Each structure stands twice: as C-alpha cells, then as structure tokens.
Amino acid sequence: MKILGIDPSLRSTGYGVITGAGNQFTCLDHGEIKNPATLLPSLCLVKIADIVTGLIDRYRPEVMAIEGLVYVQNTRIAFTLGQVRGVIIAAAARQGIPVYEYAPRKVKQSVTGQGGAGKSQVATMIKAQLGLNETPPPDAADALALALCHAQSCRGIQFNPPKPI
C-alpha cells in the first residue's frame, strides 16, 4: 500500500510518501512545500495544490492521510489552515483518492507512544522506524508520521476504524 501523508500549512506544508506491507514500511519521498512570507496566500494555495497533484501523479498513492483541524486561538489562522486543507483534499478527491484525517495527538501516540511528544521526538522516531539516513525536516517528519499512523490504523481488529472525509 502507498500512503501520502500531508501536514498542512500555508508557509511550510510537509509531505511524505511511504509504501509497505505488513510491518515493513519504506519512505519513497518526503519534503516541505515552502512558501515565502512575501507570496500572496492565494498563490501559496495554487502552489500547494499543484505540488500535491504532482506527488499524486508521480506516486499514485492509494490513500492520503492529513492532519485534522487543531484548536487555534486566532480565527484568521484557522481559516487559512482550512483553506490549505481544502485545496489538498480537493486535489486528492479529484483523482479519486480517499482522504483520512487524524488528530495530532493520535499521530504522536501511534509513532512515539506519547500523545504529547514534541516535533524532535516525532522526527527521531520516524528516522528510526523508516530506516532513514538523516532526520527529516519537522513538517516532513509530521507528514511521514501521518502516513505511518494511517498504516497502523488499518491493521488488526478495529473498534473505531478510520473513516474517509
């Protein structure tokens, strides 16, 4: 199974593509979609959608795992994050790829064993679990963690199976 994990953000969207069977997973690609602060938000959305579409075309993932909405105190940030998620979800849906969302705490719990783990802990565990030579950048590590979380959520007996959005 190939899984595309996405950690959405206007200025640094993380992505990670894994493939695996059973308990063995391999990283095919990971990185961050960087947008400078000087780029208009509308153009950031276009760039993110184009790159995600390119990743889908290149790797042909069976599913996408995306970080669920998080609580933010600033409504402007919440709206912006919603827009970023929207273009990413639309890119996947346009190509018939089911999208699953996971809460940040669930992702951290599945990868590190601690729901309150920090970004460096997540990156270190991702490096070890995927056998990477270097620790991935923070947003890419989070995206790979989302992909691994989905893979782990699809195994065994499930009382609360993930549902596509």
N, C-alpha and C. Protein backbone atom coordinates (compact mmCIF):
# COMPACT_ATOMS: atom_id res chain seq x y z
N MET A 1 0.84 -1.18 0.00
CA MET A 1 0.00 0.00 0.00
C MET A 1 0.89 1.24 0.00
N LYS A 2 0.54 2.23 -0.81
CA LYS A 2 1.23 3.52 -0.82
C LYS A 2 0.33 4.54 -0.15
N ILE A 3 0.93 5.31 0.77
CA ILE A 3 0.18 6.31 1.52
C ILE A 3 0.90 7.65 1.40
N LEU A 4 0.15 8.69 1.08
CA LEU A 4 0.67 10.05 1.06
C LEU A 4 0.20 10.74 2.32
N GLY A 5 1.15 11.15 3.16
CA GLY A 5 0.83 11.90 4.37
C GLY A 5 1.08 13.38 4.13
N ILE A 6 0.17 14.21 4.64
CA ILE A 6 0.27 15.66 4.46
C ILE A 6 0.07 16.37 5.79
N ASP A 7 1.02 17.24 6.13
CA ASP A 7 0.92 18.12 7.29
C ASP A 7 0.70 19.54 6.75
N PRO A 8 -0.57 20.01 6.70
CA PRO A 8 -0.87 21.26 6.00
C PRO A 8 -0.44 22.52 6.75
N SER A 9 0.06 23.46 5.98
CA SER A 9 0.44 24.78 6.49
C SER A 9 0.60 25.68 5.28
N LEU A 10 0.28 26.94 5.41
CA LEU A 10 0.39 27.86 4.28
C LEU A 10 1.84 28.07 3.87
N ARG A 11 2.72 28.18 4.84
CA ARG A 11 4.12 28.52 4.54
C ARG A 11 5.05 27.32 4.49
N SER A 12 4.68 26.19 5.09
CA SER A 12 5.55 25.00 5.08
C SER A 12 4.72 23.73 5.22
N THR A 13 4.12 23.30 4.12
CA THR A 13 3.33 22.07 4.12
C THR A 13 4.29 20.88 4.00
N GLY A 14 4.19 19.96 4.95
CA GLY A 14 5.02 18.77 4.90
C GLY A 14 4.33 17.67 4.12
N TYR A 15 5.13 16.87 3.42
CA TYR A 15 4.57 15.70 2.72
C TYR A 15 5.52 14.52 2.90
N GLY A 16 4.93 13.34 2.85
CA GLY A 16 5.71 12.12 2.95
C GLY A 16 4.96 10.99 2.27
N VAL A 17 5.68 10.20 1.50
CA VAL A 17 5.08 9.06 0.81
C VAL A 17 5.77 7.80 1.32
N ILE A 18 4.96 6.86 1.80
CA ILE A 18 5.51 5.58 2.24
C ILE A 18 4.82 4.44 1.50
N THR A 19 5.50 3.33 1.46
CA THR A 19 4.92 2.11 0.93
C THR A 19 5.25 1.01 1.91
N GLY A 20 4.37 0.03 1.97
CA GLY A 20 4.64 -1.03 2.92
C GLY A 20 3.72 -2.21 2.80
N ALA A 21 4.17 -3.25 3.46
CA ALA A 21 3.39 -4.48 3.56
C ALA A 21 3.66 -5.05 4.94
N GLY A 22 2.61 -5.44 5.61
CA GLY A 22 2.77 -5.97 6.97
C GLY A 22 3.31 -4.89 7.89
N ASN A 23 4.44 -5.20 8.56
CA ASN A 23 5.05 -4.24 9.48
C ASN A 23 6.25 -3.52 8.88
N GLN A 24 6.53 -3.74 7.61
CA GLN A 24 7.69 -3.12 6.96
C GLN A 24 7.26 -1.94 6.10
N PHE A 25 7.83 -0.79 6.38
CA PHE A 25 7.49 0.41 5.62
C PHE A 25 8.76 1.07 5.10
N THR A 26 8.65 1.64 3.91
CA THR A 26 9.76 2.31 3.26
C THR A 26 9.32 3.71 2.85
N CYS A 27 10.18 4.67 3.05
CA CYS A 27 9.92 6.04 2.63
C CYS A 27 10.31 6.18 1.16
N LEU A 28 9.37 6.60 0.33
CA LEU A 28 9.64 6.84 -1.07
C LEU A 28 10.07 8.28 -1.32
N ASP A 29 9.53 9.20 -0.54
CA ASP A 29 9.83 10.62 -0.73
C ASP A 29 9.30 11.39 0.47
N HIS A 30 9.94 12.49 0.76
CA HIS A 30 9.43 13.41 1.79
C HIS A 30 10.02 14.79 1.56
N GLY A 31 9.35 15.79 2.09
CA GLY A 31 9.85 17.15 1.95
C GLY A 31 8.86 18.15 2.47
N GLU A 32 9.15 19.40 2.19
CA GLU A 32 8.30 20.51 2.62
C GLU A 32 8.04 21.43 1.44
N ILE A 33 6.81 21.87 1.32
CA ILE A 33 6.44 22.84 0.30
C ILE A 33 6.57 24.21 0.96
N LYS A 34 7.63 24.91 0.65
CA LYS A 34 7.92 26.20 1.29
C LYS A 34 7.35 27.35 0.46
N ASN A 35 6.70 28.26 1.15
CA ASN A 35 6.18 29.47 0.53
C ASN A 35 6.70 30.67 1.32
N PRO A 36 7.36 31.62 0.66
CA PRO A 36 7.89 32.78 1.38
C PRO A 36 6.76 33.67 1.91
N ALA A 37 7.06 34.40 2.95
CA ALA A 37 6.08 35.30 3.57
C ALA A 37 5.61 36.38 2.60
N THR A 38 6.42 36.67 1.58
CA THR A 38 6.06 37.71 0.61
C THR A 38 5.07 37.22 -0.44
N LEU A 39 4.86 35.91 -0.55
CA LEU A 39 3.94 35.36 -1.55
C LEU A 39 2.50 35.49 -1.06
N LEU A 40 1.63 36.00 -1.91
CA LEU A 40 0.22 36.14 -1.54
C LEU A 40 -0.37 34.79 -1.15
N PRO A 41 -1.24 34.76 -0.15
CA PRO A 41 -1.86 33.49 0.27
C PRO A 41 -2.53 32.75 -0.89
N SER A 42 -3.19 33.47 -1.78
CA SER A 42 -3.86 32.80 -2.91
C SER A 42 -2.86 32.06 -3.79
N LEU A 43 -1.68 32.65 -3.98
CA LEU A 43 -0.66 32.00 -4.80
C LEU A 43 -0.01 30.83 -4.05
N CYS A 44 0.04 30.93 -2.72
CA CYS A 44 0.53 29.80 -1.91
C CYS A 44 -0.39 28.60 -2.09
N LEU A 45 -1.70 28.85 -2.10
CA LEU A 45 -2.67 27.77 -2.26
C LEU A 45 -2.52 27.09 -3.62
N VAL A 46 -2.29 27.89 -4.66
CA VAL A 46 -2.09 27.33 -6.00
C VAL A 46 -0.84 26.46 -6.02
N LYS A 47 0.24 26.96 -5.44
CA LYS A 47 1.49 26.21 -5.43
C LYS A 47 1.34 24.89 -4.67
N ILE A 48 0.68 24.93 -3.52
CA ILE A 48 0.46 23.72 -2.72
C ILE A 48 -0.37 22.72 -3.51
N ALA A 49 -1.47 23.18 -4.11
CA ALA A 49 -2.34 22.28 -4.89
C ALA A 49 -1.58 21.67 -6.05
N ASP A 50 -0.77 22.46 -6.74
CA ASP A 50 0.00 21.95 -7.89
C ASP A 50 1.02 20.90 -7.46
N ILE A 51 1.72 21.15 -6.38
CA ILE A 51 2.74 20.20 -5.93
C ILE A 51 2.10 18.91 -5.42
N VAL A 52 1.01 19.04 -4.66
CA VAL A 52 0.32 17.84 -4.17
C VAL A 52 -0.22 17.02 -5.36
N THR A 53 -0.77 17.69 -6.35
CA THR A 53 -1.24 16.99 -7.55
C THR A 53 -0.09 16.29 -8.24
N GLY A 54 1.07 16.93 -8.30
CA GLY A 54 2.25 16.31 -8.90
C GLY A 54 2.71 15.08 -8.13
N LEU A 55 2.64 15.15 -6.79
CA LEU A 55 3.00 14.00 -5.97
C LEU A 55 2.05 12.83 -6.21
N ILE A 56 0.77 13.16 -6.34
CA ILE A 56 -0.24 12.12 -6.60
C ILE A 56 0.02 11.48 -7.97
N ASP A 57 0.29 12.31 -8.97
CA ASP A 57 0.57 11.79 -10.31
C ASP A 57 1.82 10.92 -10.32
N ARG A 58 2.83 11.33 -9.58
CA ARG A 58 4.11 10.61 -9.59
C ARG A 58 4.04 9.28 -8.83
N TYR A 59 3.43 9.29 -7.64
CA TYR A 59 3.49 8.10 -6.77
C TYR A 59 2.22 7.25 -6.79
N ARG A 60 1.11 7.79 -7.25
CA ARG A 60 -0.15 7.04 -7.31
C ARG A 60 -0.51 6.39 -5.97
N PRO A 61 -0.61 7.19 -4.89
CA PRO A 61 -0.95 6.59 -3.59
C PRO A 61 -2.38 6.06 -3.59
N GLU A 62 -2.60 5.03 -2.77
CA GLU A 62 -3.96 4.51 -2.63
C GLU A 62 -4.81 5.38 -1.71
N VAL A 63 -4.15 6.02 -0.74
CA VAL A 63 -4.86 6.86 0.22
C VAL A 63 -3.99 8.06 0.60
N MET A 64 -4.66 9.06 1.18
CA MET A 64 -3.97 10.21 1.74
C MET A 64 -4.37 10.34 3.21
N ALA A 65 -3.39 10.63 4.06
CA ALA A 65 -3.65 10.91 5.48
C ALA A 65 -3.26 12.36 5.72
N ILE A 66 -4.17 13.12 6.31
CA ILE A 66 -3.95 14.54 6.55
C ILE A 66 -4.22 14.87 8.00
N GLU A 67 -3.49 15.84 8.52
CA GLU A 67 -3.71 16.22 9.91
C GLU A 67 -5.07 16.90 10.05
N GLY A 68 -5.82 16.49 11.08
CA GLY A 68 -7.12 17.08 11.36
C GLY A 68 -6.97 18.49 11.88
N LEU A 69 -8.07 19.19 11.94
CA LEU A 69 -8.05 20.55 12.45
C LEU A 69 -7.63 20.57 13.91
N VAL A 70 -6.80 21.52 14.23
CA VAL A 70 -6.34 21.68 15.60
C VAL A 70 -6.94 22.95 16.16
N TYR A 71 -6.99 23.02 17.48
CA TYR A 71 -7.53 24.21 18.13
C TYR A 71 -6.51 25.34 18.01
N VAL A 72 -6.95 26.45 17.47
CA VAL A 72 -6.11 27.64 17.41
C VAL A 72 -6.90 28.81 17.97
N GLN A 73 -6.21 29.70 18.64
CA GLN A 73 -6.87 30.84 19.26
C GLN A 73 -7.16 31.95 18.26
N ASN A 74 -6.42 31.98 17.16
CA ASN A 74 -6.57 33.02 16.16
C ASN A 74 -7.45 32.51 15.02
N THR A 75 -8.61 33.11 14.83
CA THR A 75 -9.54 32.64 13.80
C THR A 75 -8.97 32.82 12.39
N ARG A 76 -8.15 33.84 12.20
CA ARG A 76 -7.55 34.05 10.88
C ARG A 76 -6.65 32.87 10.51
N ILE A 77 -5.88 32.39 11.47
CA ILE A 77 -5.03 31.23 11.23
C ILE A 77 -5.89 29.99 10.95
N ALA A 78 -6.97 29.85 11.69
CA ALA A 78 -7.87 28.71 11.49
C ALA A 78 -8.46 28.72 10.08
N PHE A 79 -8.90 29.90 9.61
CA PHE A 79 -9.45 30.00 8.26
C PHE A 79 -8.39 29.67 7.20
N THR A 80 -7.19 30.19 7.40
CA THR A 80 -6.11 29.92 6.45
C THR A 80 -5.79 28.43 6.40
N LEU A 81 -5.69 27.80 7.57
CA LEU A 81 -5.42 26.36 7.62
C LEU A 81 -6.54 25.58 6.93
N GLY A 82 -7.77 26.03 7.12
CA GLY A 82 -8.90 25.39 6.45
C GLY A 82 -8.81 25.50 4.94
N GLN A 83 -8.34 26.65 4.45
CA GLN A 83 -8.17 26.82 3.01
C GLN A 83 -7.09 25.89 2.47
N VAL A 84 -5.98 25.79 3.20
CA VAL A 84 -4.90 24.90 2.78
C VAL A 84 -5.40 23.46 2.74
N ARG A 85 -6.07 23.04 3.80
CA ARG A 85 -6.62 21.67 3.83
C ARG A 85 -7.58 21.47 2.66
N GLY A 86 -8.38 22.48 2.35
CA GLY A 86 -9.36 22.37 1.28
C GLY A 86 -8.74 22.10 -0.08
N VAL A 87 -7.67 22.84 -0.42
CA VAL A 87 -7.06 22.61 -1.73
C VAL A 87 -6.37 21.25 -1.78
N ILE A 88 -5.83 20.80 -0.65
CA ILE A 88 -5.17 19.49 -0.61
C ILE A 88 -6.19 18.36 -0.74
N ILE A 89 -7.27 18.47 0.02
CA ILE A 89 -8.33 17.45 -0.03
C ILE A 89 -8.95 17.41 -1.43
N ALA A 90 -9.16 18.58 -2.03
CA ALA A 90 -9.74 18.64 -3.38
C ALA A 90 -8.81 17.99 -4.40
N ALA A 91 -7.50 18.21 -4.25
CA ALA A 91 -6.53 17.60 -5.18
C ALA A 91 -6.62 16.07 -5.13
N ALA A 92 -6.76 15.53 -3.93
CA ALA A 92 -6.88 14.07 -3.78
C ALA A 92 -8.22 13.58 -4.30
N ALA A 93 -9.29 14.27 -3.92
CA ALA A 93 -10.63 13.85 -4.33
C ALA A 93 -10.78 13.89 -5.85
N ARG A 94 -10.16 14.87 -6.48
CA ARG A 94 -10.23 14.99 -7.94
C ARG A 94 -9.66 13.75 -8.62
N GLN A 95 -8.72 13.09 -7.96
CA GLN A 95 -8.09 11.90 -8.55
C GLN A 95 -8.63 10.61 -7.94
N GLY A 96 -9.72 10.73 -7.16
CA GLY A 96 -10.37 9.54 -6.62
C GLY A 96 -9.63 8.89 -5.45
N ILE A 97 -8.80 9.65 -4.77
CA ILE A 97 -8.03 9.11 -3.64
C ILE A 97 -8.77 9.42 -2.33
N PRO A 98 -9.08 8.39 -1.55
CA PRO A 98 -9.74 8.64 -0.26
C PRO A 98 -8.79 9.37 0.69
N VAL A 99 -9.36 10.27 1.46
CA VAL A 99 -8.59 11.07 2.41
C VAL A 99 -9.06 10.76 3.82
N TYR A 100 -8.11 10.50 4.72
CA TYR A 100 -8.39 10.22 6.12
C TYR A 100 -7.69 11.28 6.96
N GLU A 101 -8.38 11.74 8.00
CA GLU A 101 -7.75 12.74 8.87
C GLU A 101 -7.51 12.17 10.26
N TYR A 102 -6.42 12.63 10.85
CA TYR A 102 -6.02 12.15 12.18
C TYR A 102 -5.66 13.33 13.06
N ALA A 103 -6.09 13.27 14.31
CA ALA A 103 -5.75 14.30 15.28
C ALA A 103 -4.25 14.23 15.60
N PRO A 104 -3.62 15.37 15.80
CA PRO A 104 -2.18 15.39 16.09
C PRO A 104 -1.79 14.47 17.26
N ARG A 105 -2.58 14.44 18.31
CA ARG A 105 -2.26 13.59 19.47
C ARG A 105 -2.28 12.11 19.10
N LYS A 106 -3.23 11.72 18.26
CA LYS A 106 -3.30 10.31 17.84
C LYS A 106 -2.07 9.94 17.02
N VAL A 107 -1.63 10.84 16.16
CA VAL A 107 -0.46 10.58 15.32
C VAL A 107 0.78 10.42 16.20
N LYS A 108 0.96 11.35 17.14
CA LYS A 108 2.12 11.29 18.04
C LYS A 108 2.09 10.02 18.89
N GLN A 109 0.91 9.66 19.35
CA GLN A 109 0.75 8.45 20.15
C GLN A 109 1.13 7.21 19.35
N SER A 110 0.70 7.15 18.10
CA SER A 110 0.96 5.95 17.30
C SER A 110 2.43 5.82 16.92
N VAL A 111 3.14 6.94 16.79
CA VAL A 111 4.53 6.90 16.35
C VAL A 111 5.52 6.84 17.51
N THR A 112 5.23 7.60 18.59
CA THR A 112 6.18 7.69 19.70
C THR A 112 5.71 6.99 20.97
N GLY A 113 4.40 6.72 21.05
CA GLY A 113 3.85 6.15 22.28
C GLY A 113 3.40 7.22 23.25
N GLN A 114 3.60 8.50 22.89
CA GLN A 114 3.20 9.61 23.76
C GLN A 114 2.43 10.64 22.94
N GLY A 115 1.20 10.91 23.33
CA GLY A 115 0.37 11.87 22.61
C GLY A 115 0.88 13.30 22.69
N GLY A 116 1.70 13.60 23.67
CA GLY A 116 2.22 14.95 23.82
C GLY A 116 3.66 15.10 23.36
N ALA A 117 4.14 14.18 22.54
CA ALA A 117 5.53 14.21 22.08
C ALA A 117 5.81 15.47 21.27
N GLY A 118 7.04 15.94 21.36
CA GLY A 118 7.45 17.11 20.60
C GLY A 118 7.87 16.76 19.18
N LYS A 119 8.06 17.79 18.38
CA LYS A 119 8.43 17.59 16.98
C LYS A 119 9.74 16.82 16.83
N SER A 120 10.72 17.10 17.70
CA SER A 120 12.01 16.41 17.58
C SER A 120 11.87 14.93 17.92
N GLN A 121 11.01 14.59 18.89
CA GLN A 121 10.76 13.18 19.22
C GLN A 121 10.13 12.46 18.04
N VAL A 122 9.15 13.10 17.42
CA VAL A 122 8.48 12.50 16.26
C VAL A 122 9.49 12.27 15.14
N ALA A 123 10.30 13.28 14.85
CA ALA A 123 11.29 13.16 13.76
C ALA A 123 12.29 12.05 14.04
N THR A 124 12.74 11.93 15.28
CA THR A 124 13.70 10.88 15.65
C THR A 124 13.10 9.50 15.48
N MET A 125 11.85 9.33 15.90
CA MET A 125 11.19 8.03 15.77
C MET A 125 10.91 7.69 14.31
N ILE A 126 10.56 8.69 13.51
CA ILE A 126 10.32 8.46 12.09
C ILE A 126 11.60 8.01 11.42
N LYS A 127 12.70 8.65 11.75
CA LYS A 127 14.00 8.25 11.19
C LYS A 127 14.29 6.79 11.51
N ALA A 128 14.07 6.39 12.75
CA ALA A 128 14.34 5.01 13.17
C ALA A 128 13.36 4.02 12.53
N GLN A 129 12.07 4.34 12.54
CA GLN A 129 11.07 3.40 12.04
C GLN A 129 11.15 3.19 10.53
N LEU A 130 11.58 4.22 9.80
CA LEU A 130 11.66 4.09 8.34
C LEU A 130 13.08 3.82 7.86
N GLY A 131 14.03 3.76 8.80
CA GLY A 131 15.41 3.47 8.43
C GLY A 131 16.05 4.55 7.58
N LEU A 132 15.72 5.80 7.87
CA LEU A 132 16.27 6.92 7.09
C LEU A 132 17.69 7.22 7.54
N ASN A 133 18.51 7.71 6.63
CA ASN A 133 19.89 8.07 6.96
C ASN A 133 19.97 9.37 7.75
N GLU A 134 19.04 10.28 7.50
CA GLU A 134 19.02 11.57 8.18
C GLU A 134 17.65 11.82 8.75
N THR A 135 17.60 12.64 9.80
CA THR A 135 16.33 13.03 10.38
C THR A 135 15.63 13.98 9.40
N PRO A 136 14.39 13.69 9.05
CA PRO A 136 13.68 14.57 8.11
C PRO A 136 13.35 15.92 8.75
N PRO A 137 13.15 16.95 7.93
CA PRO A 137 12.72 18.25 8.47
C PRO A 137 11.41 18.08 9.24
N PRO A 138 11.13 18.96 10.19
CA PRO A 138 9.97 18.79 11.09
C PRO A 138 8.63 18.56 10.39
N ASP A 139 8.29 19.37 9.41
CA ASP A 139 6.98 19.20 8.77
C ASP A 139 6.92 17.94 7.91
N ALA A 140 8.04 17.57 7.31
CA ALA A 140 8.09 16.32 6.55
C ALA A 140 7.98 15.12 7.49
N ALA A 141 8.62 15.21 8.66
CA ALA A 141 8.53 14.14 9.65
C ALA A 141 7.08 13.97 10.12
N ASP A 142 6.39 15.08 10.33
CA ASP A 142 4.99 15.01 10.74
C ASP A 142 4.14 14.36 9.64
N ALA A 143 4.42 14.67 8.39
CA ALA A 143 3.68 14.07 7.28
C ALA A 143 3.94 12.56 7.19
N LEU A 144 5.19 12.16 7.37
CA LEU A 144 5.52 10.73 7.38
C LEU A 144 4.84 10.04 8.57
N ALA A 145 4.77 10.73 9.70
CA ALA A 145 4.09 10.18 10.88
C ALA A 145 2.60 9.99 10.60
N LEU A 146 1.99 10.91 9.88
CA LEU A 146 0.58 10.77 9.50
C LEU A 146 0.39 9.53 8.63
N ALA A 147 1.29 9.33 7.67
CA ALA A 147 1.19 8.16 6.79
C ALA A 147 1.35 6.88 7.60
N LEU A 148 2.32 6.84 8.52
CA LEU A 148 2.51 5.65 9.36
C LEU A 148 1.31 5.43 10.27
N CYS A 149 0.77 6.49 10.81
CA CYS A 149 -0.42 6.38 11.68
C CYS A 149 -1.57 5.74 10.91
N HIS A 150 -1.76 6.15 9.66
CA HIS A 150 -2.83 5.55 8.87
C HIS A 150 -2.55 4.07 8.63
N ALA A 151 -1.32 3.74 8.30
CA ALA A 151 -0.96 2.34 8.05
C ALA A 151 -1.24 1.50 9.29
N GLN A 152 -0.90 2.02 10.45
CA GLN A 152 -1.13 1.29 11.70
C GLN A 152 -2.61 1.22 12.04
N SER A 153 -3.37 2.23 11.65
CA SER A 153 -4.81 2.25 11.93
C SER A 153 -5.58 1.25 11.09
N CYS A 154 -4.98 0.79 10.01
CA CYS A 154 -5.65 -0.14 9.09
C CYS A 154 -5.36 -1.60 9.39
N ARG A 155 -4.57 -1.86 10.43
CA ARG A 155 -4.20 -3.26 10.74
C ARG A 155 -5.03 -3.78 11.90
N GLY A 156 -5.25 -5.08 11.89
CA GLY A 156 -5.88 -5.76 13.02
C GLY A 156 -7.35 -5.44 13.19
N ILE A 157 -7.87 -5.85 14.32
CA ILE A 157 -9.27 -5.61 14.67
C ILE A 157 -9.41 -4.17 15.13
N GLN A 158 -10.44 -3.50 14.63
CA GLN A 158 -10.60 -2.09 14.94
C GLN A 158 -11.96 -1.85 15.56
N PHE A 159 -11.93 -1.16 16.69
CA PHE A 159 -13.19 -0.77 17.33
C PHE A 159 -13.69 0.55 16.76
N ASN A 160 -12.76 1.36 16.31
CA ASN A 160 -13.08 2.67 15.76
C ASN A 160 -12.26 2.86 14.48
N PRO A 161 -12.62 2.19 13.38
CA PRO A 161 -11.82 2.27 12.16
C PRO A 161 -11.83 3.69 11.59
N PRO A 162 -10.74 4.07 10.91
CA PRO A 162 -10.72 5.41 10.30
C PRO A 162 -11.75 5.50 9.19
N LYS A 163 -12.30 6.72 9.03
CA LYS A 163 -13.31 6.93 8.01
C LYS A 163 -12.82 8.01 7.06
N PRO A 164 -13.05 7.81 5.77
CA PRO A 164 -12.63 8.86 4.82
C PRO A 164 -13.47 10.12 5.00
N ILE A 165 -12.85 11.25 4.67
CA ILE A 165 -13.59 12.52 4.75
C ILE A 165 -13.96 12.99 3.37
